[in-house]
Structures are given as structure tokens and as C-alpha cells.
Amino acid sequence: MADGEMAGTGIAGLDQIMNGGLAKGHLYLIDGEPGSGKTTVALSFILEGARRGETGLYITLSETEAELRLSARSHGWEIGPLVTVRELVPPEALLAAGPAQSLLYPSDFELGETTRMIFELFEEIRPQRVVLDSLSEIRLLAQNSLRYRRQIMAMKQYFARSDATVLLLDDLVTERGDRTVHSLVHGVVNLAQITPEYGPERRRARVLKYRGNAYAGGYHDMRIRTGAVEVYPRLVAQHHTRDFDREATSSGIPEFDRLLAGGIERGSSTLVLGPSGAGKTLVGLQFLLAAIGRGERAAMLSFDEEFGLLVRRLLLLGIDLEAEMKRGLLRIDHLDTAEITPGEFAQLVRRRVADWGAQAVLIDSLNGYQASMPDEAAQLAHMHELLQYLNRQGVTTFLTIAQHGLVGDMKSPVDITYLADTVILLRYFEAMGRMRRALSVIKKRMGGHEHTIREYRITEAGLVLGEPLEEFQGVLRGVPVFVGQDLTRLMGG
């Protein structure tokens, strides 16, 4: 539909899920348990109409006008003259308590009187957008499902004669199996709230029904911030594809490039595996710095290391991250695993790539990413879509993951080696009374690679790779055996 035929909700992500917003002139339902964000979404909808010059009517049966205006002000929103807020108050209560009475008690008057007052308000205002908050009170007045359905049908037929776009809110508290309204309205949006064992509650939005319009199904992460409702559409990689040259990109270290048979190809993902402290972050940053050296933009998304500590640590290695950020070629986002959701993270990655233009991305680490969704059953599906999206955008992606253990046999908390195009393995090993580090490429889908194991050192000059360790066996097990001829040559190495 054309933009003029759609009523935007004021929530960009929700409009995107519904392919442009709500088709004008229809009846819609937003349902969810108390606290899931229904009133906030409804306020965004009615205020977006005012921003577009459309009149609005907000009818509240569940809270007072003062409470509603207070909720709006808590977000920095002001309900202007184009929006009329009315609370339905029983006439007998007005006579008894005066104009200060502001709370609706459904038992005080009949269902027909409530409906009559709603229609009178509509005739008085003739709004283009209407919110009725909420149907729970009308359901209580109706007392049975049949009467309730008839009342909703009457409201639908009445509003259908106008061009108004009507939003009904409903709490999923009573009669959970009752889907009376679902069959009558043009579209249904469900809001859900999940409370994990640790961290704040998490919200999701889901379009259950939308007649005559395509929409993105499934759950989409949602967050309510001060002054904004954000919905993060579920990432579908096949919807984001562009042409690019799959050339190999250099690491900036000749020995590393030889190990990789020329470098890492654009539009591919590289996983760096190894124990804690082995230098996984530095290996990933080496490729980002090489991209910056070519004049490309690079983004790092860090779950683990605090930004200030990371900057100071790398300064000791001659790497000035803040200088690259000031040049506008590097963006570093430090993420809190307890706060961010998978959908929000995917949206952040998309902004760095699509909006900012990052051509190389480092996610450090997948352990932190996994911790951000401890109850998420589809972790691998999330990561698969994200990597596919980055690959289709021609981005060179690097991911780190810390394995359990330090020396010898180690295990990964999650196995995604089959998703990555290239896998680089880091290991500690002991030789001649010293702990050393070894690096090897164990997988590379695009082209060949060396099957050797190279020692590497982290020095003041950064990452330094040596020649292949051809005189040792068992390096990856942590305690190698020397099989060469001249041991003294390696003693000072």
C-alpha cells in the first residue's frame, strides 16, 4: 500500500514488520499481559497521528486521564490539542462525587450505556485515530462470551462506516482461551514479556494476524526506552544481498597471509578459537587494523573487555585504538550481556554495516553473545542468520570464542565451527621450560591454506609469527616432543 493509505505507529521496527504500518480505516487489536507495553504502544500510535496532522481520541476505561498524561510525560511526550483524552465515568458516580471522580467501576452501569458513551464521544470528536483502553472492562460487563462478541461486532460495524483507524487494547488475564476479538478485527499484535533468571525483563512483539497484507511472522525483540519504543525485526539474511568482489584481504603480516594462502576473502567469516589469554582479540584486531590501513571502516562489538582497559592494554603493543576512532575508521561498542537481546544485537550490527559502512567486523566474543541469551533455544539459528547477512553484504567477519581449559584437551561452550568459513586455532604449549603460543589454520573453505603450525609471540610491535614448527610433534596437545636435530638452536627462541 502507498504511504498515504497506511497509519504509521510511530515505531519504525513495528511498521517494518507490518510492511508499512496499519492499513487505514480498520479495527486492530493489541493484546498482552499487564506490563507488556500496550498503553505505551497505543500512545505512540495516537501521537504519531498528531505529528502527521491527524486528530485522535484516546478513550480510557482502565486508568484516569491524569494517570495517562503522567505516563506520556514520563517519556517526554506531550499530548497536544489534536488528541482528545476521555475517561468513561458513570453518571451516577459524577453526581455523587463531583468532577473529581475519575475511576470506572464496570459494575456501576450497564454495557449498553458504556457503548453509547463511546459512540457519542466519537460523534463529538470525529477523530481519524481511536484508541480504546481496554476491552477487559467491556468483557466484564458483558458477563458471557456471546454478549461480548455481539458488542464487539456492533463496535466494528459502527466504526466501519467511518475512515477512522481504531486500536483496541486487551489484557490477557481472564478467559485466556477466548479469541472472540481475534476473528473480528483486521489485525492482531501480541506483546509478550519474559523475565529471565538474571537481568531485566525482555519484551517481544508478534503479529498474529493481518488481513490482506504481508508481514514478518514470529517473535521480534522489543524494548521500551524513555521517549521511544523500539522493535527489532527478526533478521532474515536472504532479504539483504548485494554484489561485491570476493577478493582476498591481507592480515598485514606476511607470515600470516602465507598461512592463509593469501589472506581472508571478503564476504566470509573467520572463527578464532583458543584458551583465555592466548591472543584471540589481538588476532581479530590485526585484521581490522589491516582493513583500516586500506582505508576501510571497521567495527568491533565487545561483550567481554571494558573499553578503557582494552585501549590501555593495546597501547602497550603500539596499537592506538582511540586514534583510529578519531579518524572515523573504527567504531567500538561495548555491550552488556545482561541488557542486550539477540534482536537488538543484530540491529546494532546492521546499523554498523548498512548505515555506517563497516567492511570488517569483529565480535568478541561468542561466549558473551551466548550469555546474552541464556534461555534462547535457537542460538545457532540466530548466529547463522547474522553470519549469512554479513557474508551477503561482503563484510569480512571475525569471531572469537574462549575454550575451557588452558593446556591439553579443551572444549568449546558452543560448536559453531561448521558455520565459519575459516577456523584459526590458538594453543599454549611448553617447550624448553617456557610457555609458548602456537597458531594453525584448521579449516578454510575458500582456497587452500598451510597445514603447518606456527609459533607466534605478542610483543611491543604487536603480533609476530615465526616459521613453521616442523621439529616438534604434539604441539596442539600442549606438551610437544622435539624430533629435530639441533635443540640448542631453539633454546634462545
Foldseek 3Di string as FASTA:
>chain_A
DDLVQAQAQQAVQVCVQQVHHHGWLFEEEEEEAPPLCPLVSNVSSQVSCVVVVFAEEEEAQADFPVVSQVVCVQLVHHDDPSYHYYYDDDPVVCVVPNPVDTHDDLVPDALVVVLVVVVVVCVVNVTQEYEYHACPSSCVRLVDDVSSLVSVLVVRVVSSVHRHYYYYYYHCPPPVVDPSVVVVTQWYKYKYWACDPDFHIWIWIATPHHPPTHGNGDIWTWDDDRNHTHTQRQFAQVVAFDDDDFDFADLPAVVVCQQVVRHHTFLFEEEEEEAPPLCQVLSLVSNLVSCVVVVAAEEEEAADDDPVVVQVVCVLLVDHPVVSVVVVRYYYHYDHLSPDALSNVLVVVCCCCVVSNHQEYEYHEVVSVCSSCVPDPPPVVSVLSSSSNSSSSRHYYYYYFHWPDAAADTHGPDDPVVSGQWYKYKHWADDLRDIWIKIHTPHHNPDDGDRFIWTWDQHSNGIGTDDGPPQWPPVRRRYIDGNDDDPVVPNVD
